[in-house]
Amino acid sequence: MTPKEIAQVQAYLRNRFSNKKIIIIPRTNKNDSAEVMLDEEFLGVIFRDDEDGDICYQFNMTMLDIDINLD
């Protein structure tokens, strides 16, 4: 993802979720994705997909069972 794309996606997520603490940072040695953070907490990875000339962004967030109250 280019710096311009990262800035645009970050602005979209901040606006959509009304949260200015969402930060997107580039991944080392990866140009198809970036890390999504909330303050200093890692939330997940956003991937850029340009299949068939249509560009879309997919967000992947993993949650561990020990972090979720399943009672």
PDB file of N, CA and C in Angstrom:
ATOM      1  N   MET A   1       0.845  -1.178   0.000  1.00  0.00           N
ATOM      2  CA  MET A   1       0.000   0.000   0.000  1.00  0.00           C
ATOM      3  C   MET A   1       0.885   1.234   0.000  1.00  0.00           C
ATOM      4  N   THR A   2       0.514   2.184  -0.786  1.00  0.00           N
ATOM      5  CA  THR A   2       1.279   3.425  -0.864  1.00  0.00           C
ATOM      6  C   THR A   2       0.949   4.307   0.344  1.00  0.00           C
ATOM      7  N   PRO A   3       1.824   5.264   0.648  1.00  0.00           N
ATOM      8  CA  PRO A   3       1.512   6.200   1.738  1.00  0.00           C
ATOM      9  C   PRO A   3       0.177   6.922   1.529  1.00  0.00           C
ATOM     10  N   LYS A   4      -0.149   7.244   0.276  1.00  0.00           N
ATOM     11  CA  LYS A   4      -1.425   7.908  -0.011  1.00  0.00           C
ATOM     12  C   LYS A   4      -2.604   6.986   0.306  1.00  0.00           C
ATOM     13  N   GLU A   5      -2.507   5.724  -0.095  1.00  0.00           N
ATOM     14  CA  GLU A   5      -3.572   4.761   0.199  1.00  0.00           C
ATOM     15  C   GLU A   5      -3.737   4.568   1.703  1.00  0.00           C
ATOM     16  N   ILE A   6      -2.621   4.454   2.403  1.00  0.00           N
ATOM     17  CA  ILE A   6      -2.669   4.281   3.857  1.00  0.00           C
ATOM     18  C   ILE A   6      -3.378   5.463   4.500  1.00  0.00           C
ATOM     19  N   ALA A   7      -3.045   6.671   4.082  1.00  0.00           N
ATOM     20  CA  ALA A   7      -3.676   7.874   4.637  1.00  0.00           C
ATOM     21  C   ALA A   7      -5.174   7.893   4.336  1.00  0.00           C
ATOM     22  N   GLN A   8      -5.560   7.493   3.132  1.00  0.00           N
ATOM     23  CA  GLN A   8      -6.978   7.491   2.757  1.00  0.00           C
ATOM     24  C   GLN A   8      -7.766   6.446   3.546  1.00  0.00           C
ATOM     25  N   VAL A   9      -7.207   5.251   3.675  1.00  0.00           N
ATOM     26  CA  VAL A   9      -7.892   4.195   4.420  1.00  0.00           C
ATOM     27  C   VAL A   9      -7.959   4.553   5.904  1.00  0.00           C
ATOM     28  N   GLN A  10      -6.894   5.123   6.434  1.00  0.00           N
ATOM     29  CA  GLN A  10      -6.891   5.546   7.836  1.00  0.00           C
ATOM     30  C   GLN A  10      -7.961   6.610   8.081  1.00  0.00           C
ATOM     31  N   ALA A  11      -8.057   7.576   7.196  1.00  0.00           N
ATOM     32  CA  ALA A  11      -9.080   8.622   7.322  1.00  0.00           C
ATOM     33  C   ALA A  11     -10.479   8.017   7.252  1.00  0.00           C
ATOM     34  N   TYR A  12     -10.672   7.068   6.357  1.00  0.00           N
ATOM     35  CA  TYR A  12     -11.972   6.404   6.238  1.00  0.00           C
ATOM     36  C   TYR A  12     -12.336   5.685   7.535  1.00  0.00           C
ATOM     37  N   LEU A  13     -11.403   4.880   8.068  1.00  0.00           N
ATOM     38  CA  LEU A  13     -11.689   4.131   9.293  1.00  0.00           C
ATOM     39  C   LEU A  13     -11.925   5.056  10.481  1.00  0.00           C
ATOM     40  N   ARG A  14     -11.128   6.107  10.591  1.00  0.00           N
ATOM     41  CA  ARG A  14     -11.312   7.065  11.686  1.00  0.00           C
ATOM     42  C   ARG A  14     -12.692   7.708  11.612  1.00  0.00           C
ATOM     43  N   ASN A  15     -13.108   8.079  10.415  1.00  0.00           N
ATOM     44  CA  ASN A  15     -14.415   8.700  10.231  1.00  0.00           C
ATOM     45  C   ASN A  15     -15.542   7.691  10.466  1.00  0.00           C
ATOM     46  N   ARG A  16     -15.405   6.515   9.895  1.00  0.00           N
ATOM     47  CA  ARG A  16     -16.451   5.483   9.979  1.00  0.00           C
ATOM     48  C   ARG A  16     -16.716   5.056  11.417  1.00  0.00           C
ATOM     49  N   PHE A  17     -15.642   4.922  12.212  1.00  0.00           N
ATOM     50  CA  PHE A  17     -15.774   4.460  13.591  1.00  0.00           C
ATOM     51  C   PHE A  17     -15.679   5.594  14.610  1.00  0.00           C
ATOM     52  N   SER A  18     -15.645   6.822  14.125  1.00  0.00           N
ATOM     53  CA  SER A  18     -15.568   8.013  14.995  1.00  0.00           C
ATOM     54  C   SER A  18     -14.473   7.862  16.044  1.00  0.00           C
ATOM     55  N   ASN A  19     -13.282   7.489  15.570  1.00  0.00           N
ATOM     56  CA  ASN A  19     -12.177   7.249  16.493  1.00  0.00           C
ATOM     57  C   ASN A  19     -10.866   7.713  15.860  1.00  0.00           C
ATOM     58  N   LYS A  20     -10.346   8.804  16.359  1.00  0.00           N
ATOM     59  CA  LYS A  20      -9.103   9.374  15.832  1.00  0.00           C
ATOM     60  C   LYS A  20      -7.858   8.612  16.293  1.00  0.00           C
ATOM     61  N   LYS A  21      -8.045   7.600  17.149  1.00  0.00           N
ATOM     62  CA  LYS A  21      -6.908   6.836  17.664  1.00  0.00           C
ATOM     63  C   LYS A  21      -6.524   5.668  16.760  1.00  0.00           C
ATOM     64  N   ILE A  22      -7.271   5.456  15.678  1.00  0.00           N
ATOM     65  CA  ILE A  22      -6.940   4.397  14.726  1.00  0.00           C
ATOM     66  C   ILE A  22      -5.748   4.855  13.897  1.00  0.00           C
ATOM     67  N   ILE A  23      -4.733   4.008  13.848  1.00  0.00           N
ATOM     68  CA  ILE A  23      -3.502   4.317  13.116  1.00  0.00           C
ATOM     69  C   ILE A  23      -3.191   3.143  12.190  1.00  0.00           C
ATOM     70  N   ILE A  24      -2.824   3.443  10.968  1.00  0.00           N
ATOM     71  CA  ILE A  24      -2.392   2.406  10.033  1.00  0.00           C
ATOM     72  C   ILE A  24      -0.923   2.640   9.720  1.00  0.00           C
ATOM     73  N   ILE A  25      -0.127   1.584   9.902  1.00  0.00           N
ATOM     74  CA  ILE A  25       1.310   1.701   9.653  1.00  0.00           C
ATOM     75  C   ILE A  25       1.743   0.651   8.623  1.00  0.00           C
ATOM     76  N   PRO A  26       2.685   1.013   7.769  1.00  0.00           N
ATOM     77  CA  PRO A  26       3.165   0.062   6.761  1.00  0.00           C
ATOM     78  C   PRO A  26       3.836  -1.144   7.418  1.00  0.00           C
ATOM     79  N   ARG A  27       3.761  -2.286   6.752  1.00  0.00           N
ATOM     80  CA  ARG A  27       4.455  -3.488   7.220  1.00  0.00           C
ATOM     81  C   ARG A  27       5.829  -3.548   6.557  1.00  0.00           C
ATOM     82  N   THR A  28       6.801  -4.024   7.285  1.00  0.00           N
ATOM     83  CA  THR A  28       8.154  -4.164   6.768  1.00  0.00           C
ATOM     84  C   THR A  28       8.181  -5.229   5.671  1.00  0.00           C
ATOM     85  N   ASN A  29       8.766  -4.888   4.546  1.00  0.00           N
ATOM     86  CA  ASN A  29       8.942  -5.800   3.409  1.00  0.00           C
ATOM     87  C   ASN A  29       7.637  -6.316   2.808  1.00  0.00           C
ATOM     88  N   LYS A  30       6.527  -5.627   3.048  1.00  0.00           N
ATOM     89  CA  LYS A  30       5.238  -6.002   2.450  1.00  0.00           C
ATOM     90  C   LYS A  30       4.645  -4.757   1.808  1.00  0.00           C
ATOM     91  N   ASN A  31       4.230  -4.866   0.557  1.00  0.00           N
ATOM     92  CA  ASN A  31       3.630  -3.697  -0.096  1.00  0.00           C
ATOM     93  C   ASN A  31       2.146  -3.892  -0.393  1.00  0.00           C
ATOM     94  N   ASP A  32       1.591  -5.027   0.050  1.00  0.00           N
ATOM     95  CA  ASP A  32       0.174  -5.295  -0.201  1.00  0.00           C
ATOM     96  C   ASP A  32      -0.687  -5.168   1.047  1.00  0.00           C
ATOM     97  N   SER A  33      -0.073  -4.734   2.168  1.00  0.00           N
ATOM     98  CA  SER A  33      -0.827  -4.703   3.417  1.00  0.00           C
ATOM     99  C   SER A  33      -0.205  -3.726   4.405  1.00  0.00           C
ATOM    100  N   ALA A  34      -0.968  -3.453   5.476  1.00  0.00           N
ATOM    101  CA  ALA A  34      -0.502  -2.565   6.535  1.00  0.00           C
ATOM    102  C   ALA A  34      -1.150  -3.005   7.844  1.00  0.00           C
ATOM    103  N   GLU A  35      -0.541  -2.615   8.961  1.00  0.00           N
ATOM    104  CA  GLU A  35      -1.064  -2.971  10.278  1.00  0.00           C
ATOM    105  C   GLU A  35      -2.027  -1.902  10.771  1.00  0.00           C
ATOM    106  N   VAL A  36      -3.105  -2.349  11.392  1.00  0.00           N
ATOM    107  CA  VAL A  36      -4.096  -1.443  11.968  1.00  0.00           C
ATOM    108  C   VAL A  36      -3.922  -1.474  13.483  1.00  0.00           C
ATOM    109  N   MET A  37      -3.751  -0.289  14.051  1.00  0.00           N
ATOM    110  CA  MET A  37      -3.519  -0.152  15.486  1.00  0.00           C
ATOM    111  C   MET A  37      -4.588   0.751  16.089  1.00  0.00           C
ATOM    112  N   LEU A  38      -4.868   0.536  17.373  1.00  0.00           N
ATOM    113  CA  LEU A  38      -5.698   1.441  18.153  1.00  0.00           C
ATOM    114  C   LEU A  38      -4.817   1.892  19.301  1.00  0.00           C
ATOM    115  N   ASP A  39      -4.402   3.148  19.256  1.00  0.00           N
ATOM    116  CA  ASP A  39      -3.332   3.639  20.130  1.00  0.00           C
ATOM    117  C   ASP A  39      -2.114   2.765  19.868  1.00  0.00           C
ATOM    118  N   GLU A  40      -1.679   2.003  20.863  1.00  0.00           N
ATOM    119  CA  GLU A  40      -0.497   1.150  20.688  1.00  0.00           C
ATOM    120  C   GLU A  40      -0.865  -0.326  20.627  1.00  0.00           C
ATOM    121  N   GLU A  41      -2.168  -0.622  20.554  1.00  0.00           N
ATOM    122  CA  GLU A  41      -2.614  -2.012  20.526  1.00  0.00           C
ATOM    123  C   GLU A  41      -2.862  -2.460  19.089  1.00  0.00           C
ATOM    124  N   PHE A  42      -2.254  -3.584  18.733  1.00  0.00           N
ATOM    125  CA  PHE A  42      -2.421  -4.162  17.405  1.00  0.00           C
ATOM    126  C   PHE A  42      -3.836  -4.716  17.265  1.00  0.00           C
ATOM    127  N   LEU A  43      -4.544  -4.297  16.213  1.00  0.00           N
ATOM    128  CA  LEU A  43      -5.897  -4.800  15.957  1.00  0.00           C
ATOM    129  C   LEU A  43      -5.926  -5.859  14.868  1.00  0.00           C
ATOM    130  N   GLY A  44      -5.159  -5.645  13.804  1.00  0.00           N
ATOM    131  CA  GLY A  44      -5.190  -6.577  12.696  1.00  0.00           C
ATOM    132  C   GLY A  44      -4.420  -6.050  11.505  1.00  0.00           C
ATOM    133  N   VAL A  45      -4.653  -6.692  10.376  1.00  0.00           N
ATOM    134  CA  VAL A  45      -3.945  -6.345   9.140  1.00  0.00           C
ATOM    135  C   VAL A  45      -4.978  -6.020   8.065  1.00  0.00           C
ATOM    136  N   ILE A  46      -4.706  -4.971   7.319  1.00  0.00           N
ATOM    137  CA  ILE A  46      -5.561  -4.625   6.185  1.00  0.00           C
ATOM    138  C   ILE A  46      -4.784  -4.927   4.902  1.00  0.00           C
ATOM    139  N   PHE A  47      -5.433  -5.646   3.995  1.00  0.00           N
ATOM    140  CA  PHE A  47      -4.808  -6.072   2.748  1.00  0.00           C
ATOM    141  C   PHE A  47      -5.412  -5.318   1.572  1.00  0.00           C
ATOM    142  N   ARG A  48      -4.563  -4.967   0.626  1.00  0.00           N
ATOM    143  CA  ARG A  48      -5.003  -4.330  -0.621  1.00  0.00           C
ATOM    144  C   ARG A  48      -5.161  -5.423  -1.663  1.00  0.00           C
ATOM    145  N   ASP A  49      -6.301  -5.445  -2.334  1.00  0.00           N
ATOM    146  CA  ASP A  49      -6.585  -6.432  -3.370  1.00  0.00           C
ATOM    147  C   ASP A  49      -6.970  -5.684  -4.641  1.00  0.00           C
ATOM    148  N   ASP A  50      -6.238  -5.934  -5.723  1.00  0.00           N
ATOM    149  CA  ASP A  50      -6.541  -5.248  -6.983  1.00  0.00           C
ATOM    150  C   ASP A  50      -6.863  -6.242  -8.099  1.00  0.00           C
ATOM    151  N   GLU A  51      -7.541  -7.302  -7.732  1.00  0.00           N
ATOM    152  CA  GLU A  51      -7.926  -8.315  -8.703  1.00  0.00           C
ATOM    153  C   GLU A  51      -8.893  -7.747  -9.739  1.00  0.00           C
ATOM    154  N   ASP A  52      -8.661  -8.060 -10.976  1.00  0.00           N
ATOM    155  CA  ASP A  52      -9.516  -7.630 -12.096  1.00  0.00           C
ATOM    156  C   ASP A  52      -9.633  -6.120 -12.222  1.00  0.00           C
ATOM    157  N   GLY A  53      -8.653  -5.375 -11.729  1.00  0.00           N
ATOM    158  CA  GLY A  53      -8.664  -3.923 -11.867  1.00  0.00           C
ATOM    159  C   GLY A  53      -9.514  -3.190 -10.852  1.00  0.00           C
ATOM    160  N   ASP A  54     -10.275  -3.921 -10.038  1.00  0.00           N
ATOM    161  CA  ASP A  54     -11.072  -3.307  -8.976  1.00  0.00           C
ATOM    162  C   ASP A  54     -10.276  -3.364  -7.679  1.00  0.00           C
ATOM    163  N   ILE A  55     -10.027  -2.212  -7.079  1.00  0.00           N
ATOM    164  CA  ILE A  55      -9.252  -2.170  -5.846  1.00  0.00           C
ATOM    165  C   ILE A  55     -10.193  -2.221  -4.653  1.00  0.00           C
ATOM    166  N   CYS A  56      -9.884  -3.120  -3.714  1.00  0.00           N
ATOM    167  CA  CYS A  56     -10.636  -3.179  -2.466  1.00  0.00           C
ATOM    168  C   CYS A  56      -9.654  -3.451  -1.331  1.00  0.00           C
ATOM    169  N   TYR A  57     -10.112  -3.228  -0.121  1.00  0.00           N
ATOM    170  CA  TYR A  57      -9.285  -3.413   1.065  1.00  0.00           C
ATOM    171  C   TYR A  57     -10.006  -4.366   2.003  1.00  0.00           C
ATOM    172  N   GLN A  58      -9.291  -5.382   2.485  1.00  0.00           N
ATOM    173  CA  GLN A  58      -9.865  -6.381   3.378  1.00  0.00           C
ATOM    174  C   GLN A  58      -9.168  -6.302   4.729  1.00  0.00           C
ATOM    175  N   PHE A  59      -9.973  -6.215   5.790  1.00  0.00           N
ATOM    176  CA  PHE A  59      -9.438  -6.122   7.144  1.00  0.00           C
ATOM    177  C   PHE A  59      -9.558  -7.470   7.829  1.00  0.00           C
ATOM    178  N   ASN A  60      -8.444  -7.970   8.391  1.00  0.00           N
ATOM    179  CA  ASN A  60      -8.407  -9.258   9.068  1.00  0.00           C
ATOM    180  C   ASN A  60      -8.025  -9.036  10.525  1.00  0.00           C
ATOM    181  N   MET A  61      -8.929  -9.427  11.436  1.00  0.00           N
ATOM    182  CA  MET A  61      -8.694  -9.262  12.873  1.00  0.00           C
ATOM    183  C   MET A  61      -8.880 -10.610  13.550  1.00  0.00           C
ATOM    184  N   THR A  62      -7.886 -11.042  14.303  1.00  0.00           N
ATOM    185  CA  THR A  62      -7.953 -12.297  15.035  1.00  0.00           C
ATOM    186  C   THR A  62      -8.188 -12.007  16.508  1.00  0.00           C
ATOM    187  N   MET A  63      -9.105 -12.759  17.109  1.00  0.00           N
ATOM    188  CA  MET A  63      -9.377 -12.625  18.543  1.00  0.00           C
ATOM    189  C   MET A  63      -9.130 -13.976  19.203  1.00  0.00           C
ATOM    190  N   LEU A  64      -8.352 -13.990  20.263  1.00  0.00           N
ATOM    191  CA  LEU A  64      -8.081 -15.218  20.995  1.00  0.00           C
ATOM    192  C   LEU A  64      -9.222 -15.508  21.963  1.00  0.00           C
ATOM    193  N   ASP A  65      -9.516 -16.786  22.164  1.00  0.00           N
ATOM    194  CA  ASP A  65     -10.602 -17.142  23.073  1.00  0.00           C
ATOM    195  C   ASP A  65     -10.342 -16.678  24.500  1.00  0.00           C
ATOM    196  N   ILE A  66      -9.072 -16.600  24.892  1.00  0.00           N
ATOM    197  CA  ILE A  66      -8.767 -16.153  26.256  1.00  0.00           C
ATOM    198  C   ILE A  66      -9.037 -14.664  26.444  1.00  0.00           C
ATOM    199  N   ASP A  67      -9.145 -13.934  25.337  1.00  0.00           N
ATOM    200  CA  ASP A  67      -9.435 -12.501  25.409  1.00  0.00           C
ATOM    201  C   ASP A  67     -10.933 -12.201  25.382  1.00  0.00           C
ATOM    202  N   ILE A  68     -11.731 -13.221  25.125  1.00  0.00           N
ATOM    203  CA  ILE A  68     -13.179 -13.036  25.010  1.00  0.00           C
ATOM    204  C   ILE A  68     -13.861 -13.734  26.183  1.00  0.00           C
ATOM    205  N   ASN A  69     -14.798 -13.052  26.804  1.00  0.00           N
ATOM    206  CA  ASN A  69     -15.579 -13.655  27.879  1.00  0.00           C
ATOM    207  C   ASN A  69     -16.663 -14.514  27.250  1.00  0.00           C
ATOM    208  N   LEU A  70     -16.509 -15.828  27.323  1.00  0.00           N
ATOM    209  CA  LEU A  70     -17.450 -16.743  26.688  1.00  0.00           C
ATOM    210  C   LEU A  70     -18.491 -17.286  27.658  1.00  0.00           C
ATOM    211  N   ASP A  71     -18.603 -16.717  28.832  1.00  0.00           N
ATOM    212  CA  ASP A  71     -19.579 -17.202  29.833  1.00  0.00           C
ATOM    213  C   ASP A  71     -20.984 -16.853  29.472  1.00  0.00           C
TER     214      ASP A  71
END
